[in-house]
Amino acid sequence: MNLNHLHPWSLALAALLALAACGGDDDNVVPPSTETTVALLPVLETANETGLSDMDDPAVWVHPSDRGRSLVIAAAKRGGLRVFDLQAREVQRVDIAYDGTGEPANRFNNVDVQYGFALGGERVDLVVASDRLQDALRIWRVDAADTTSPLEDVTDDAIGRTFPTRPDPADRVNASVPNPADGENTAYGLALWRDRTQDKLYALVAQNNEAVVAMFELVARPGGKVGMEFVARWQFPYEWKGQDLTVENDDDPSKDFSPQFEGMVVDQQTGVLYAGQEDVGIWRVNLHTRVADTAPFVQTTAFDAASPIARDVEGLTLYYAANGKGYLLASSQGQAHGEPPTLATPGRDDTFAVFARDAGNGYLGSFAVPRNPALGIDAVQECDGADVTNVALPGFPGGLLLVQDGYNDDLNNLDGEEAATNLKFVPWAGVAANFPGGRLVVDTMYDPRNP
């Protein structure tokens, strides 16, 4: 069912904000919106990904000297990796390998970018992706001078697996069991953190189907290769507020749960990891102290009816502003789409919740990305991944928001079978200017190369 036909974006957003205003602190919410339109429109989109190729998580790489040559890198799962320019045109395609039976040997799930890694006597920029089928990380360096194939694979052949074990279902707290590399309980969500105080680069990786997040240090290896070393591991609850998160129920979506994490992002200045447990909410981990919060700072509507996010909570990204200000954006997929039965949460489906980046992470409001009829670009639905940069780029002087669209052109009537997916490009200045309450800013001072 396409809820766009039932709930115009302005009414859905007003309902969401009104509900939030009734259930939270007045300083942390936006009052009910009186606007009649919310024009956070996409202005560009990439080509369709279809079949085994499924567009998922994007990341922005900012060129060191010519911002017009900055790139968008995106994981396309069994379609490999895609590299786009700022006009949404494909620059490079990183294909996957196939096993001896002709089946895909790689599935790139999430991707992230970091700058200034010491490798072979120079500082290089890295792109890292989680490979679900190999249960490993795949690593590329970016050649800023190469305009046709900027990504060069520098993965150490002996990099090893991310999750050779998994919690024992009979005793998840105290025991583990060997974990086959079958693409099930393997590398999934991904975020990078550059600890400038120690000049070290870390990868945070979530384990598919498990409430586990692990931390690895990326290390330089001989021959210009990059490997990894295990650092830490966190295990989060498999039960929350009396609900067993491992229980599946295809007949009743309100009783269908999963303990897994996917969307993650690290605040590069504070070292705080934000990790989305899809059905539960967003947790914080202090990577300096390695201490995780004892509860998510925001829960999904499955556990808090007044919450601005409905499960699944997916892509997380940070917009940086001066003096510790800025915003955490969270994709609230909701469950309005797919084959019946579905669990609709009107006003929260296909939205992005915005939280303050500073202490407390107060909720500021939500927005959606509707269709742009003038350009013939459809709305964003069931967004899996997003990235935002404050950097002024050609065509996007106030910064750029990238969002994955799980149903490009609604080719299958949103029935759960994604006929096509892609990325949408949204000017951040448009988000800030049209956000209810005027609470968002445009601040281009933050430098991702020198955070």
Protein backbone atom coordinates (compact mmCIF):
# COMPACT_ATOMS: atom_id res chain seq x y z
CA MET A 1 0.00 0.00 0.00
CA ASN A 2 1.39 3.40 -0.95
CA LEU A 3 0.74 5.68 2.01
CA ASN A 4 1.62 8.73 -0.07
CA HIS A 5 -1.89 8.50 -1.46
CA LEU A 6 -3.40 8.53 2.01
CA HIS A 7 -1.13 10.91 3.89
CA PRO A 8 0.28 13.99 2.13
CA TRP A 9 3.79 14.69 3.36
CA SER A 10 2.78 17.87 5.14
CA LEU A 11 0.02 16.15 7.11
CA ALA A 12 2.19 13.18 7.99
CA LEU A 13 4.98 15.40 9.20
CA ALA A 14 2.62 17.59 11.20
CA ALA A 15 1.13 14.50 12.86
CA LEU A 16 4.58 13.19 13.71
CA LEU A 17 5.73 16.47 15.23
CA ALA A 18 2.49 16.89 17.17
CA LEU A 19 2.87 13.45 18.68
CA ALA A 20 6.48 14.13 19.61
CA ALA A 21 5.59 17.47 21.17
CA CYS A 22 3.12 15.75 23.45
CA GLY A 23 5.59 13.15 24.64
CA GLY A 24 8.94 14.92 25.20
CA ASP A 25 10.76 17.84 26.73
CA ASP A 26 9.79 21.17 25.17
CA ASP A 27 13.44 22.05 24.53
CA ASN A 28 14.03 18.88 22.55
CA VAL A 29 11.08 18.81 20.15
CA VAL A 30 9.56 20.92 17.45
CA PRO A 31 5.99 22.18 17.99
CA PRO A 32 3.34 21.04 15.51
CA SER A 33 4.08 22.30 12.04
CA THR A 34 1.82 24.93 10.50
CA GLU A 35 3.48 24.68 7.09
CA THR A 36 1.45 23.43 4.18
CA THR A 37 4.38 22.10 2.16
CA VAL A 38 7.68 20.46 3.06
CA ALA A 39 9.93 20.75 0.04
CA LEU A 40 13.00 18.63 0.76
CA LEU A 41 13.20 17.54 -2.83
CA PRO A 42 15.80 15.34 -4.55
CA VAL A 43 17.50 17.04 -7.48
CA LEU A 44 19.53 14.15 -8.92
CA GLU A 45 19.38 10.37 -8.89
CA THR A 46 21.61 7.55 -10.03
CA ALA A 47 20.63 4.91 -12.57
CA ASN A 48 18.56 1.91 -11.54
CA GLU A 49 20.13 -1.08 -9.84
CA THR A 50 18.18 -4.24 -10.56
CA GLY A 51 18.39 -8.01 -10.15
CA LEU A 52 21.29 -9.13 -7.94
CA SER A 53 22.50 -5.54 -7.83
CA ASP A 54 20.77 -3.74 -4.96
CA MET A 55 21.85 -0.19 -4.09
CA ASP A 56 22.43 0.19 -0.38
CA ASP A 57 24.81 2.36 1.64
CA PRO A 58 26.52 5.51 0.20
CA ALA A 59 29.52 7.57 1.33
CA VAL A 60 30.95 10.88 0.12
CA TRP A 61 34.66 11.29 -0.63
CA VAL A 62 35.85 14.91 -0.78
CA HIS A 63 38.68 15.57 -3.24
CA PRO A 64 41.74 17.17 -1.56
CA SER A 65 42.16 20.04 -4.01
CA ASP A 66 39.28 20.10 -6.51
CA ARG A 67 35.90 19.66 -4.88
CA GLY A 68 34.27 19.31 -8.26
CA ARG A 69 36.02 15.94 -8.56
CA SER A 70 34.63 14.65 -5.29
CA LEU A 71 32.95 11.25 -5.49
CA VAL A 72 30.05 9.24 -4.14
CA ILE A 73 30.86 5.60 -3.37
CA ALA A 74 28.02 3.15 -2.80
CA ALA A 75 27.64 -0.51 -1.94
CA ALA A 76 25.40 -2.37 -4.37
CA LYS A 77 25.47 -5.71 -2.53
CA ARG A 78 25.90 -8.55 -5.03
CA GLY A 79 26.28 -5.91 -7.73
CA GLY A 80 29.62 -4.79 -6.29
CA LEU A 81 30.60 -1.20 -5.63
CA ARG A 82 29.58 1.90 -7.58
CA VAL A 83 31.46 5.20 -7.86
CA PHE A 84 29.60 8.32 -9.03
CA ASP A 85 30.51 11.93 -9.70
CA LEU A 86 28.51 14.88 -8.35
CA GLN A 87 26.19 14.72 -11.35
CA ALA A 88 25.17 11.17 -10.33
CA ARG A 89 27.02 9.71 -13.32
CA GLU A 90 28.83 6.41 -12.90
CA VAL A 91 32.63 6.80 -12.86
CA GLN A 92 33.76 3.32 -11.85
CA ARG A 93 32.20 -0.07 -11.26
CA VAL A 94 33.90 -2.52 -8.90
CA ASP A 95 32.57 -5.93 -9.80
CA ILE A 96 32.28 -8.92 -7.50
CA ALA A 97 33.89 -12.33 -7.95
CA TYR A 98 32.08 -15.62 -8.48
CA ASP A 99 32.74 -19.02 -6.94
CA GLY A 100 33.28 -22.28 -8.82
CA THR A 101 29.55 -22.86 -9.19
CA GLY A 102 28.87 -19.45 -10.69
CA GLU A 103 27.37 -18.04 -7.51
CA PRO A 104 28.36 -14.58 -6.20
CA ALA A 105 31.38 -14.73 -3.88
CA ASN A 106 30.98 -11.16 -2.57
CA ARG A 107 28.16 -9.09 -1.15
CA PHE A 108 29.16 -5.55 -0.21
CA ASN A 109 26.73 -4.40 2.43
CA ASN A 110 27.94 -1.07 3.89
CA VAL A 111 30.69 1.35 2.91
CA ASP A 112 32.56 4.23 4.53
CA VAL A 113 35.41 6.65 3.74
CA GLN A 114 38.30 8.00 5.79
CA TYR A 115 41.25 10.26 5.09
CA GLY A 116 44.98 10.42 5.80
CA PHE A 117 45.90 6.78 6.51
CA ALA A 118 49.66 6.19 6.71
CA LEU A 119 50.51 3.62 4.04
CA GLY A 120 53.81 3.03 2.25
CA GLY A 121 55.37 6.29 3.37
CA GLU A 122 52.47 8.50 2.33
CA ARG A 123 49.03 9.52 3.50
CA VAL A 124 46.18 7.98 1.54
CA ASP A 125 42.40 8.01 1.64
CA LEU A 126 40.63 4.69 2.15
CA VAL A 127 37.26 3.26 1.19
CA VAL A 128 36.18 0.27 3.27
CA ALA A 129 33.24 -2.06 2.67
CA SER A 130 31.83 -4.96 4.63
CA ASP A 131 31.66 -8.17 2.60
CA ARG A 132 28.85 -10.28 3.95
CA LEU A 133 29.61 -13.44 1.94
CA GLN A 134 33.33 -13.42 2.75
CA ASP A 135 32.76 -12.22 6.35
CA ALA A 136 35.57 -9.76 5.84
CA LEU A 137 36.47 -6.17 5.12
CA ARG A 138 37.43 -5.07 1.62
CA ILE A 139 39.66 -2.01 1.36
CA TRP A 140 40.53 0.36 -1.49
CA ARG A 141 42.76 3.42 -1.65
CA VAL A 142 41.55 6.46 -3.58
CA ASP A 143 43.76 7.84 -6.35
CA ALA A 144 42.75 11.48 -6.54
CA ALA A 145 44.47 11.88 -9.91
CA ASP A 146 42.64 9.00 -11.62
CA THR A 147 39.40 10.18 -13.17
CA THR A 148 38.23 6.80 -14.52
CA SER A 149 39.29 4.17 -11.94
CA PRO A 150 40.02 6.03 -8.71
CA LEU A 151 39.62 2.99 -6.43
CA GLU A 152 42.53 0.54 -6.13
CA ASP A 153 42.08 -2.61 -4.06
CA VAL A 154 44.67 -2.74 -1.25
CA THR A 155 43.12 -5.48 0.89
CA ASP A 156 45.67 -7.71 2.58
CA ASP A 157 45.19 -11.27 1.30
CA ALA A 158 45.50 -12.50 4.89
CA ILE A 159 43.07 -9.98 6.38
CA GLY A 160 41.04 -12.70 8.10
CA ARG A 161 37.40 -12.92 9.09
CA THR A 162 35.48 -10.44 11.21
CA PHE A 163 33.27 -12.96 13.02
CA PRO A 164 34.72 -16.49 13.17
CA THR A 165 32.37 -17.16 16.10
CA ARG A 166 28.88 -16.16 17.15
CA PRO A 167 27.05 -16.22 20.50
CA ASP A 168 25.82 -19.69 21.41
CA PRO A 169 21.99 -19.65 21.12
CA ALA A 170 21.87 -21.84 24.24
CA ASP A 171 23.88 -19.32 26.31
CA ARG A 172 24.61 -16.10 24.45
CA VAL A 173 26.09 -14.34 27.46
CA ASN A 174 28.77 -16.87 28.35
CA ALA A 175 29.42 -19.05 25.33
CA SER A 176 30.13 -18.91 21.62
CA VAL A 177 30.13 -21.38 18.75
CA PRO A 178 32.05 -21.56 15.46
CA ASN A 179 30.46 -19.41 12.79
CA PRO A 180 30.43 -20.61 9.16
CA ALA A 181 31.21 -18.03 6.49
CA ASP A 182 27.85 -18.55 4.81
CA GLY A 183 26.66 -14.94 4.67
CA GLU A 184 24.27 -15.33 7.58
CA ASN A 185 25.93 -14.25 10.86
CA THR A 186 28.70 -12.32 9.17
CA ALA A 187 30.00 -8.78 8.52
CA TYR A 188 27.08 -6.38 8.06
CA GLY A 189 26.92 -2.76 9.23
CA LEU A 190 30.10 -0.65 9.03
CA ALA A 191 31.47 2.69 10.23
CA LEU A 192 35.01 4.11 10.33
CA TRP A 193 36.65 6.24 13.02
CA ARG A 194 39.96 8.08 12.78
CA ASP A 195 41.34 8.64 16.27
CA ARG A 196 43.52 11.68 15.66
CA THR A 197 44.99 11.57 19.18
CA GLN A 198 46.67 8.25 18.37
CA ASP A 199 46.78 8.53 14.58
CA LYS A 200 44.88 5.27 14.23
CA LEU A 201 42.01 4.20 12.01
CA TYR A 202 39.32 1.84 13.26
CA ALA A 203 36.44 -0.04 11.66
CA LEU A 204 33.26 -0.77 13.62
CA VAL A 205 31.45 -3.80 12.21
CA ALA A 206 28.04 -5.22 13.13
CA GLN A 207 27.34 -8.95 12.95
CA ASN A 208 24.32 -9.89 10.86
CA ASN A 209 21.45 -11.51 12.82
CA GLU A 210 23.26 -10.87 16.11
CA ALA A 211 23.34 -8.12 18.75
CA VAL A 212 27.11 -7.80 18.35
CA VAL A 213 29.39 -4.96 17.24
CA ALA A 214 33.17 -5.39 16.99
CA MET A 215 36.02 -2.93 16.62
CA PHE A 216 39.09 -3.52 14.45
CA GLU A 217 42.19 -1.41 13.87
CA LEU A 218 43.19 -1.03 10.25
CA VAL A 219 46.94 -1.61 9.93
CA ALA A 220 49.47 -1.08 7.14
CA ARG A 221 50.99 -4.25 5.72
CA PRO A 222 53.99 -4.81 3.41
CA GLY A 223 53.50 -4.11 -0.26
CA GLY A 224 51.07 -1.24 0.29
CA LYS A 225 48.33 -3.51 1.61
CA VAL A 226 45.95 -2.93 4.52
CA GLY A 227 44.92 -5.52 7.09
CA MET A 228 43.09 -5.45 10.40
CA GLU A 229 43.53 -6.43 14.04
CA PHE A 230 40.75 -7.13 16.53
CA VAL A 231 40.40 -4.52 19.30
CA ALA A 232 37.09 -4.84 21.14
CA ARG A 233 33.63 -6.36 21.06
CA TRP A 234 30.26 -5.34 22.50
CA GLN A 235 27.27 -7.60 22.94
CA PHE A 236 23.92 -5.88 23.29
CA PRO A 237 20.63 -7.34 24.59
CA TYR A 238 18.82 -10.16 22.85
CA GLU A 239 15.81 -9.29 24.98
CA TRP A 240 14.43 -5.81 25.54
CA LYS A 241 11.64 -4.85 27.91
CA GLY A 242 10.55 -8.47 28.12
CA GLN A 243 10.50 -8.98 24.34
CA ASP A 244 12.64 -11.82 22.96
CA LEU A 245 14.35 -10.20 19.97
CA THR A 246 15.06 -13.54 18.32
CA VAL A 247 11.38 -14.42 17.85
CA GLU A 248 10.15 -14.36 14.24
CA ASN A 249 6.50 -14.25 13.23
CA ASP A 250 5.55 -13.91 9.57
CA ASP A 251 1.83 -13.73 10.39
CA ASP A 252 1.99 -10.86 12.90
CA PRO A 253 4.59 -8.14 12.21
CA SER A 254 4.07 -6.68 15.70
CA LYS A 255 5.61 -9.89 17.06
CA ASP A 256 8.36 -10.25 14.48
CA PHE A 257 11.75 -9.16 15.86
CA SER A 258 15.48 -9.25 15.16
CA PRO A 259 18.41 -8.36 17.45
CA GLN A 260 20.71 -7.13 14.64
CA PHE A 261 22.40 -3.78 14.04
CA GLU A 262 23.14 -2.18 10.69
CA GLY A 263 23.14 1.62 10.54
CA MET A 264 26.18 3.03 12.36
CA VAL A 265 28.18 6.25 12.39
CA VAL A 266 31.02 7.59 14.56
CA ASP A 267 31.35 11.21 15.64
CA GLN A 268 34.89 11.92 14.44
CA GLN A 269 35.45 14.64 17.05
CA THR A 270 34.03 12.99 20.17
CA GLY A 271 34.68 9.33 19.39
CA VAL A 272 31.07 8.36 20.10
CA LEU A 273 29.62 5.50 18.06
CA TYR A 274 25.92 5.65 17.25
CA ALA A 275 24.66 2.16 16.44
CA GLY A 276 21.11 1.35 15.33
CA GLN A 277 19.65 -1.88 16.64
CA GLU A 278 16.99 -2.08 13.97
CA ASP A 279 13.99 -3.07 16.08
CA VAL A 280 15.06 -1.49 19.38
CA GLY A 281 16.67 1.92 18.90
CA ILE A 282 19.97 3.81 18.76
CA TRP A 283 22.76 2.97 21.20
CA ARG A 284 25.88 5.01 22.00
CA VAL A 285 29.38 3.69 22.68
CA ASN A 286 32.30 5.84 23.87
CA LEU A 287 35.15 4.47 21.77
CA HIS A 288 37.78 6.19 23.89
CA THR A 289 36.69 4.39 27.06
CA ARG A 290 35.10 1.41 25.22
CA VAL A 291 31.99 1.82 27.41
CA ALA A 292 28.52 1.44 25.93
CA ASP A 293 25.35 3.00 27.31
CA THR A 294 23.08 0.65 29.23
CA ALA A 295 20.06 1.64 27.14
CA PRO A 296 19.45 3.24 23.73
CA PHE A 297 19.03 7.01 23.93
CA VAL A 298 16.00 6.69 21.67
CA GLN A 299 13.82 3.60 21.18
CA THR A 300 11.64 2.64 18.25
CA THR A 301 7.88 2.79 18.42
CA ALA A 302 7.92 -0.94 19.24
CA PHE A 303 9.01 0.08 22.75
CA ASP A 304 8.03 3.77 22.95
CA ALA A 305 4.79 4.80 21.28
CA ALA A 306 5.84 8.47 21.24
CA SER A 307 9.16 7.79 19.52
CA PRO A 308 9.93 9.58 16.24
CA ILE A 309 11.49 6.43 14.75
CA ALA A 310 9.70 3.27 13.70
CA ARG A 311 11.51 0.04 13.16
CA ASP A 312 13.49 -0.56 11.17
CA VAL A 313 15.88 2.20 12.15
CA GLU A 314 18.46 2.03 9.39
CA GLY A 315 20.97 4.49 7.92
CA LEU A 316 22.65 6.86 10.41
CA THR A 317 24.75 9.86 9.42
CA LEU A 318 26.14 13.01 11.07
CA TYR A 319 26.04 16.62 9.92
CA TYR A 320 28.86 18.58 11.59
CA ALA A 321 28.61 22.22 12.65
CA ALA A 322 30.89 24.44 14.71
CA ASN A 323 31.38 24.17 18.49
CA GLY A 324 30.13 20.60 18.77
CA LYS A 325 26.82 21.41 17.15
CA GLY A 326 25.20 19.56 14.31
CA TYR A 327 22.77 16.72 13.78
CA LEU A 328 22.40 12.98 13.83
CA LEU A 329 20.06 11.81 11.06
CA ALA A 330 18.32 8.43 11.34
CA SER A 331 16.33 6.68 8.64
CA SER A 332 12.96 5.55 10.00
CA GLN A 333 11.86 2.97 7.47
CA GLY A 334 8.68 1.88 9.16
CA GLN A 335 6.83 -1.17 7.89
CA ALA A 336 4.22 0.31 5.57
CA HIS A 337 5.48 -1.56 2.53
CA GLY A 338 5.69 -5.19 1.53
CA GLU A 339 3.31 -8.11 1.26
CA PRO A 340 0.51 -8.11 3.86
CA PRO A 341 0.43 -8.23 6.76
CA THR A 342 2.46 -5.08 7.37
CA LEU A 343 2.72 -2.82 10.38
CA ALA A 344 2.16 0.79 9.36
CA THR A 345 3.21 3.62 11.65
CA PRO A 346 1.74 6.70 9.92
CA GLY A 347 3.87 9.83 10.14
CA ARG A 348 7.04 7.84 10.75
CA ASP A 349 7.20 5.60 7.68
CA ASP A 350 9.81 6.72 5.14
CA THR A 351 11.03 9.62 7.27
CA PHE A 352 14.32 10.85 8.67
CA ALA A 353 14.46 11.76 12.35
CA VAL A 354 16.87 14.53 13.32
CA PHE A 355 18.60 14.60 16.70
CA ALA A 356 20.97 17.20 18.12
CA ARG A 357 24.60 16.13 17.91
CA ASP A 358 25.54 17.64 21.28
CA ALA A 359 24.87 16.29 24.77
CA GLY A 360 21.57 14.51 25.18
CA ASN A 361 20.90 14.10 21.47
CA GLY A 362 17.55 15.85 21.82
CA TYR A 363 14.97 15.21 19.10
CA LEU A 364 14.50 18.20 16.78
CA GLY A 365 11.96 16.93 14.28
CA SER A 366 11.64 14.81 11.15
CA PHE A 367 11.47 15.20 7.41
CA ALA A 368 10.77 13.11 4.33
CA VAL A 369 12.06 13.22 0.76
CA PRO A 370 8.96 13.30 -1.48
CA ARG A 371 8.88 13.13 -5.26
CA ASN A 372 10.13 16.03 -7.31
CA PRO A 373 7.50 16.29 -10.08
CA ALA A 374 9.39 19.02 -11.93
CA LEU A 375 12.37 16.73 -12.46
CA GLY A 376 10.47 13.45 -12.61
CA ILE A 377 12.28 12.02 -9.58
CA ASP A 378 10.24 9.79 -7.30
CA ALA A 379 10.09 9.81 -3.50
CA VAL A 380 12.48 8.00 -1.17
CA GLN A 381 11.04 4.90 0.51
CA GLU A 382 12.52 2.28 2.82
CA CYS A 383 15.87 4.04 2.95
CA ASP A 384 18.64 1.62 3.97
CA GLY A 385 21.58 4.00 4.01
CA ALA A 386 22.41 7.71 3.98
CA ASP A 387 25.36 10.05 4.16
CA VAL A 388 25.57 13.81 4.55
CA THR A 389 28.43 16.25 4.15
CA ASN A 390 28.55 19.89 5.16
CA VAL A 391 31.30 20.57 2.61
CA ALA A 392 30.40 23.08 -0.08
CA LEU A 393 30.41 21.18 -3.38
CA PRO A 394 29.65 22.31 -6.94
CA GLY A 395 25.90 22.16 -7.33
CA PHE A 396 25.53 21.77 -3.57
CA PRO A 397 27.02 24.93 -2.00
CA GLY A 398 25.32 24.21 1.32
CA GLY A 399 26.33 20.56 1.48
CA LEU A 400 24.86 17.31 0.19
CA LEU A 401 22.53 14.68 1.63
CA LEU A 402 22.61 11.27 -0.07
CA VAL A 403 19.82 8.78 0.56
CA GLN A 404 19.20 5.28 -0.77
CA ASP A 405 15.78 4.69 -2.28
CA GLY A 406 14.57 1.13 -1.75
CA TYR A 407 11.79 1.43 -4.34
CA ASN A 408 12.99 3.51 -7.23
CA ASP A 409 10.04 4.62 -9.38
CA ASP A 410 7.76 2.37 -7.29
CA LEU A 411 7.98 -0.15 -10.13
CA ASN A 412 6.44 -2.95 -8.06
CA ASN A 413 3.84 -0.88 -6.17
CA LEU A 414 5.89 -1.11 -2.96
CA ASP A 415 4.98 -4.77 -2.48
CA GLY A 416 8.23 -5.85 -0.85
CA GLU A 417 9.99 -7.05 -4.00
CA GLU A 418 12.43 -4.29 -4.89
CA ALA A 419 12.35 -4.10 -8.67
CA ALA A 420 14.83 -1.23 -8.70
CA THR A 421 16.89 0.80 -6.20
CA ASN A 422 19.11 3.86 -6.49
CA LEU A 423 20.51 6.94 -4.74
CA LYS A 424 18.90 10.37 -4.46
CA PHE A 425 20.90 13.62 -4.13
CA VAL A 426 19.28 16.25 -1.88
CA PRO A 427 20.78 19.74 -1.26
CA TRP A 428 21.35 20.15 2.47
CA ALA A 429 20.52 23.85 2.16
CA GLY A 430 17.02 22.82 1.08
CA VAL A 431 16.66 20.54 4.08
CA ALA A 432 17.79 23.28 6.46
CA ALA A 433 15.68 26.01 4.89
CA ASN A 434 12.47 23.99 4.91
CA PHE A 435 12.86 22.12 8.16
CA PRO A 436 9.99 22.94 10.56
CA GLY A 437 10.86 25.45 13.23
CA GLY A 438 13.95 26.75 11.43
CA ARG A 439 16.17 24.62 13.66
CA LEU A 440 18.72 23.43 11.12
CA VAL A 441 21.74 25.42 9.97
CA VAL A 442 24.12 25.39 7.03
CA ASP A 443 27.71 25.38 8.30
CA THR A 444 30.48 24.64 5.79
CA MET A 445 33.40 25.16 8.19
CA TYR A 446 33.96 21.53 9.21
CA ASP A 447 36.77 19.81 7.29
CA PRO A 448 36.40 16.02 7.12
CA ARG A 449 40.13 15.72 6.43
CA ASN A 450 41.01 17.59 9.61
CA PRO A 451 38.11 17.08 12.02
